[in-house]
N, C-alpha and C. Protein backbone atom coordinates (compact mmCIF):
# COMPACT_ATOMS: atom_id res chain seq x y z
N MET A 1 156.70 68.71 81.32
CA MET A 1 156.12 67.48 80.83
C MET A 1 156.37 67.32 79.34
N GLU A 2 156.42 68.45 78.63
CA GLU A 2 156.68 68.38 77.19
C GLU A 2 158.06 67.77 76.93
N ASP A 3 159.03 68.09 77.79
CA ASP A 3 160.39 67.60 77.61
C ASP A 3 160.56 66.14 78.05
N ASN A 4 159.67 65.66 78.92
CA ASN A 4 159.89 64.36 79.53
C ASN A 4 158.83 63.31 79.26
N THR A 5 157.82 63.64 78.47
CA THR A 5 156.79 62.67 78.14
C THR A 5 156.47 62.75 76.65
N ALA A 6 155.76 61.75 76.19
CA ALA A 6 155.33 61.74 74.79
C ALA A 6 153.88 62.20 74.66
N LEU A 7 153.37 62.85 75.70
CA LEU A 7 151.98 63.30 75.69
C LEU A 7 151.79 64.50 74.76
N ALA A 8 150.61 64.56 74.18
CA ALA A 8 150.25 65.71 73.35
C ALA A 8 150.02 66.92 74.25
N GLU A 9 150.08 68.10 73.68
CA GLU A 9 149.93 69.33 74.44
C GLU A 9 148.61 69.36 75.22
N GLN A 10 147.52 68.91 74.60
CA GLN A 10 146.22 68.89 75.28
C GLN A 10 146.24 67.95 76.48
N ASN A 11 146.88 66.79 76.34
CA ASN A 11 146.98 65.85 77.46
C ASN A 11 147.79 66.45 78.60
N ILE A 12 148.85 67.16 78.26
CA ILE A 12 149.68 67.80 79.28
C ILE A 12 148.87 68.84 80.03
N ALA A 13 148.11 69.66 79.31
CA ALA A 13 147.27 70.68 79.95
C ALA A 13 146.26 70.03 80.89
N THR A 14 145.66 68.93 80.45
CA THR A 14 144.69 68.22 81.28
C THR A 14 145.35 67.68 82.55
N GLU A 15 146.54 67.10 82.41
CA GLU A 15 147.25 66.55 83.58
C GLU A 15 147.63 67.65 84.56
N VAL A 16 148.13 68.76 84.07
CA VAL A 16 148.50 69.88 84.95
C VAL A 16 147.27 70.39 85.69
N ASP A 17 146.16 70.53 84.97
CA ASP A 17 144.92 70.96 85.62
C ASP A 17 144.50 69.96 86.70
N ARG A 18 144.63 68.69 86.41
CA ARG A 18 144.25 67.66 87.38
C ARG A 18 145.11 67.77 88.64
N TYR A 19 146.41 67.96 88.47
CA TYR A 19 147.29 68.09 89.63
C TYR A 19 146.96 69.34 90.45
N ILE A 20 146.58 70.40 89.78
CA ILE A 20 146.25 71.64 90.49
C ILE A 20 144.93 71.50 91.24
N VAL A 21 143.93 70.92 90.59
CA VAL A 21 142.59 70.83 91.17
C VAL A 21 142.47 69.69 92.17
N TRP A 22 143.17 68.59 91.95
CA TRP A 22 142.99 67.39 92.75
C TRP A 22 144.35 66.82 93.18
N PRO A 23 145.14 67.57 93.95
CA PRO A 23 146.50 67.12 94.29
C PRO A 23 146.53 65.84 95.12
N GLY A 24 145.51 65.63 95.95
CA GLY A 24 145.47 64.42 96.78
C GLY A 24 145.42 63.15 95.96
N GLN A 25 144.75 63.19 94.81
CA GLN A 25 144.65 62.01 93.95
C GLN A 25 146.02 61.65 93.42
N ALA A 26 146.75 62.64 92.95
CA ALA A 26 148.09 62.39 92.41
C ALA A 26 149.02 61.88 93.50
N LEU A 27 148.92 62.45 94.69
CA LEU A 27 149.75 62.01 95.80
C LEU A 27 149.44 60.57 96.19
N SER A 28 148.15 60.24 96.31
CA SER A 28 147.79 58.88 96.70
C SER A 28 148.19 57.87 95.62
N TYR A 29 148.10 58.27 94.37
CA TYR A 29 148.52 57.40 93.27
C TYR A 29 150.01 57.07 93.41
N MET A 30 150.83 58.08 93.68
CA MET A 30 152.28 57.85 93.80
C MET A 30 152.61 57.03 95.05
N ILE A 31 151.92 57.30 96.15
CA ILE A 31 152.17 56.52 97.37
C ILE A 31 151.81 55.06 97.12
N GLY A 32 150.69 54.82 96.45
CA GLY A 32 150.31 53.45 96.12
C GLY A 32 151.32 52.77 95.23
N GLU A 33 151.78 53.49 94.21
CA GLU A 33 152.79 52.91 93.31
C GLU A 33 154.07 52.57 94.07
N GLN A 34 154.54 53.48 94.89
CA GLN A 34 155.76 53.23 95.66
C GLN A 34 155.59 52.07 96.63
N THR A 35 154.43 51.97 97.25
CA THR A 35 154.17 50.87 98.18
C THR A 35 154.17 49.53 97.45
N ILE A 36 153.51 49.46 96.31
CA ILE A 36 153.46 48.21 95.54
C ILE A 36 154.85 47.83 95.05
N LEU A 37 155.63 48.79 94.57
CA LEU A 37 156.99 48.48 94.13
C LEU A 37 157.85 48.00 95.29
N SER A 38 157.67 48.59 96.46
CA SER A 38 158.40 48.16 97.65
C SER A 38 158.00 46.74 98.06
N LEU A 39 156.70 46.44 98.01
CA LEU A 39 156.23 45.09 98.32
C LEU A 39 156.76 44.08 97.31
N ARG A 40 156.84 44.47 96.05
CA ARG A 40 157.37 43.57 95.03
C ARG A 40 158.86 43.29 95.29
N ASP A 41 159.62 44.32 95.62
CA ASP A 41 161.04 44.11 95.94
C ASP A 41 161.21 43.21 97.16
N GLU A 42 160.37 43.43 98.17
CA GLU A 42 160.42 42.60 99.38
C GLU A 42 160.10 41.14 99.04
N ALA A 43 159.08 40.93 98.21
CA ALA A 43 158.70 39.57 97.82
C ALA A 43 159.83 38.91 97.04
N LYS A 44 160.44 39.63 96.12
CA LYS A 44 161.56 39.08 95.34
C LYS A 44 162.70 38.66 96.26
N GLN A 45 163.01 39.53 97.22
CA GLN A 45 164.12 39.26 98.14
C GLN A 45 163.82 38.04 99.02
N LYS A 46 162.62 37.98 99.58
CA LYS A 46 162.28 36.89 100.50
C LYS A 46 162.06 35.56 99.78
N LEU A 47 161.49 35.61 98.59
CA LEU A 47 161.13 34.37 97.89
C LEU A 47 162.22 33.85 96.97
N GLY A 48 163.11 34.71 96.53
CA GLY A 48 164.18 34.26 95.64
C GLY A 48 163.63 33.56 94.41
N ASP A 49 164.03 32.30 94.18
CA ASP A 49 163.60 31.55 93.00
C ASP A 49 162.10 31.21 93.02
N LYS A 50 161.47 31.30 94.17
CA LYS A 50 160.04 31.01 94.26
C LYS A 50 159.17 32.20 93.84
N TYR A 51 159.81 33.36 93.64
CA TYR A 51 159.06 34.55 93.25
C TYR A 51 158.54 34.41 91.83
N ASN A 52 157.28 34.80 91.64
CA ASN A 52 156.65 34.76 90.33
C ASN A 52 155.84 36.04 90.16
N LEU A 53 156.19 36.86 89.17
CA LEU A 53 155.53 38.14 88.97
C LEU A 53 154.03 37.98 88.73
N LYS A 54 153.65 36.98 87.96
CA LYS A 54 152.23 36.75 87.68
C LYS A 54 151.46 36.48 88.97
N ASN A 55 152.02 35.65 89.83
CA ASN A 55 151.36 35.35 91.10
C ASN A 55 151.30 36.60 92.00
N PHE A 56 152.39 37.37 92.00
CA PHE A 56 152.39 38.62 92.78
C PHE A 56 151.28 39.55 92.28
N ASP A 57 151.18 39.70 90.98
CA ASP A 57 150.14 40.57 90.41
C ASP A 57 148.74 40.06 90.76
N ASP A 58 148.54 38.74 90.71
CA ASP A 58 147.24 38.17 91.08
C ASP A 58 146.90 38.50 92.53
N VAL A 59 147.87 38.44 93.41
CA VAL A 59 147.64 38.72 94.83
C VAL A 59 147.33 40.20 95.01
N VAL A 60 148.10 41.08 94.39
CA VAL A 60 147.90 42.52 94.56
C VAL A 60 146.59 42.98 93.93
N LEU A 61 146.28 42.50 92.75
CA LEU A 61 145.09 42.96 92.03
C LEU A 61 143.83 42.17 92.38
N GLY A 62 144.01 40.95 92.85
CA GLY A 62 142.88 40.05 93.06
C GLY A 62 141.91 40.48 94.13
N GLN A 63 142.33 41.32 95.04
CA GLN A 63 141.45 41.76 96.12
C GLN A 63 140.77 43.08 95.81
N GLY A 64 141.08 43.67 94.67
CA GLY A 64 140.50 44.97 94.34
C GLY A 64 141.17 46.06 95.15
N SER A 65 140.47 47.13 95.34
CA SER A 65 140.99 48.30 96.04
C SER A 65 141.09 48.02 97.54
N LEU A 66 142.29 48.21 98.09
CA LEU A 66 142.52 47.98 99.52
C LEU A 66 143.33 49.12 100.11
N PRO A 67 143.17 49.40 101.39
CA PRO A 67 144.11 50.31 102.05
C PRO A 67 145.51 49.69 102.02
N MET A 68 146.53 50.51 101.95
CA MET A 68 147.90 50.01 101.82
C MET A 68 148.29 49.10 102.99
N ALA A 69 147.84 49.41 104.19
CA ALA A 69 148.18 48.57 105.35
C ALA A 69 147.63 47.15 105.19
N ILE A 70 146.42 47.04 104.65
CA ILE A 70 145.81 45.73 104.42
C ILE A 70 146.52 45.02 103.28
N LEU A 71 146.86 45.76 102.23
CA LEU A 71 147.58 45.16 101.11
C LEU A 71 148.90 44.57 101.58
N LYS A 72 149.59 45.27 102.47
CA LYS A 72 150.85 44.74 103.02
C LYS A 72 150.62 43.41 103.74
N GLU A 73 149.54 43.33 104.52
CA GLU A 73 149.21 42.08 105.22
C GLU A 73 148.93 40.96 104.23
N VAL A 74 148.19 41.27 103.17
CA VAL A 74 147.85 40.28 102.16
C VAL A 74 149.12 39.75 101.49
N VAL A 75 150.00 40.65 101.08
CA VAL A 75 151.24 40.24 100.40
C VAL A 75 152.13 39.45 101.35
N ASN A 76 152.23 39.88 102.60
CA ASN A 76 153.06 39.14 103.57
C ASN A 76 152.52 37.75 103.82
N LYS A 77 151.19 37.61 103.88
CA LYS A 77 150.59 36.28 104.04
C LYS A 77 150.89 35.40 102.83
N TRP A 78 150.81 35.98 101.63
CA TRP A 78 151.14 35.25 100.41
C TRP A 78 152.61 34.80 100.42
N ILE A 79 153.50 35.69 100.86
CA ILE A 79 154.94 35.34 100.95
C ILE A 79 155.10 34.17 101.92
N ASP A 80 154.50 34.26 103.10
CA ASP A 80 154.61 33.19 104.10
C ASP A 80 154.09 31.87 103.55
N ASN A 81 152.93 31.91 102.89
CA ASN A 81 152.35 30.68 102.34
C ASN A 81 153.22 30.11 101.22
N THR A 82 153.79 30.96 100.41
CA THR A 82 154.66 30.50 99.33
C THR A 82 155.91 29.85 99.91
N LEU A 83 156.49 30.47 100.93
CA LEU A 83 157.67 29.89 101.57
C LEU A 83 157.34 28.56 102.25
N ALA A 84 156.10 28.41 102.70
CA ALA A 84 155.67 27.16 103.34
C ALA A 84 155.37 26.07 102.31
N GLY A 85 155.44 26.42 101.03
CA GLY A 85 155.26 25.44 99.97
C GLY A 85 153.82 25.15 99.60
N LYS A 86 152.90 26.01 100.00
CA LYS A 86 151.51 25.80 99.64
C LYS A 86 151.33 26.08 98.15
N PRO A 87 150.59 25.24 97.44
CA PRO A 87 150.38 25.46 96.01
C PRO A 87 149.69 26.80 95.75
N VAL A 88 150.06 27.44 94.66
CA VAL A 88 149.54 28.77 94.34
C VAL A 88 148.03 28.78 94.28
N ASP A 89 147.44 27.74 93.70
CA ASP A 89 145.97 27.75 93.56
C ASP A 89 145.26 27.54 94.89
N GLN A 90 145.99 27.21 95.96
CA GLN A 90 145.37 27.04 97.26
C GLN A 90 145.70 28.19 98.21
N LEU A 91 146.44 29.17 97.70
CA LEU A 91 146.79 30.30 98.55
C LEU A 91 145.59 31.22 98.74
N PRO A 92 145.39 31.71 99.96
CA PRO A 92 144.37 32.74 100.11
C PRO A 92 144.84 33.98 99.37
N PHE A 93 143.94 34.76 98.89
CA PHE A 93 144.21 36.01 98.20
C PHE A 93 144.85 35.81 96.84
N ALA A 94 144.81 34.62 96.28
CA ALA A 94 145.44 34.39 94.98
C ALA A 94 144.41 34.30 93.86
N CYS A 95 143.24 34.90 94.07
CA CYS A 95 142.23 34.89 93.02
C CYS A 95 142.69 35.72 91.85
N LYS A 96 142.28 35.33 90.69
CA LYS A 96 142.58 36.13 89.50
C LYS A 96 141.73 37.40 89.56
N PRO A 97 142.28 38.53 89.21
CA PRO A 97 141.47 39.75 89.21
C PRO A 97 140.31 39.65 88.23
N ARG A 98 139.23 40.27 88.57
CA ARG A 98 138.04 40.33 87.72
C ARG A 98 137.50 38.96 87.35
N SER A 99 137.72 37.98 88.22
CA SER A 99 137.25 36.62 87.97
C SER A 99 135.83 36.47 88.50
N VAL A 100 135.04 35.63 87.84
CA VAL A 100 133.71 35.33 88.34
C VAL A 100 133.68 33.95 88.97
N GLU A 101 134.84 33.33 89.08
CA GLU A 101 134.93 32.00 89.67
C GLU A 101 135.06 32.11 91.18
N THR A 102 134.70 31.07 91.86
CA THR A 102 134.91 31.00 93.29
C THR A 102 136.29 30.40 93.53
N CYS A 103 137.08 31.03 94.40
CA CYS A 103 138.41 30.50 94.66
C CYS A 103 138.78 30.70 96.13
N ALA A 104 139.51 29.77 96.66
CA ALA A 104 140.05 29.82 98.02
C ALA A 104 139.02 30.25 99.05
N GLY A 105 137.79 29.76 98.88
CA GLY A 105 136.77 30.08 99.87
C GLY A 105 136.15 31.45 99.75
N MET A 106 136.53 32.20 98.73
CA MET A 106 135.96 33.53 98.54
C MET A 106 135.03 33.49 97.33
N ASP A 107 133.82 33.95 97.52
CA ASP A 107 132.86 33.96 96.41
C ASP A 107 133.00 35.30 95.69
N THR A 108 133.62 35.27 94.51
CA THR A 108 133.83 36.50 93.76
C THR A 108 132.69 36.76 92.79
N ALA A 109 131.70 35.88 92.75
CA ALA A 109 130.58 36.04 91.81
C ALA A 109 129.41 36.68 92.53
N ARG A 110 129.64 37.75 93.27
CA ARG A 110 128.59 38.42 94.06
C ARG A 110 127.58 39.06 93.19
């Protein structure tokens, strides 16, 4: 890690300890990252010029923590709706993350 990151020695020691003590967390983090990157590539390919990174991020982050299988369904529904020409502000699952506004029939101000 010293050769490949800009982390201080103490940060590196903390990260190594974390990987040793809690390997499942690191594994799930990487699986999540790879899944999201794969979904982003799929969205770019299917949507072409209609792809918008900001909208993709709103869809992925707007629902909070989700199992990867559900996240895939959410992103695929967003892709289908975008291809159907539905306006972004009317898409389900297109709420802004950490919003207190009500959007698309979902009350986020719980």
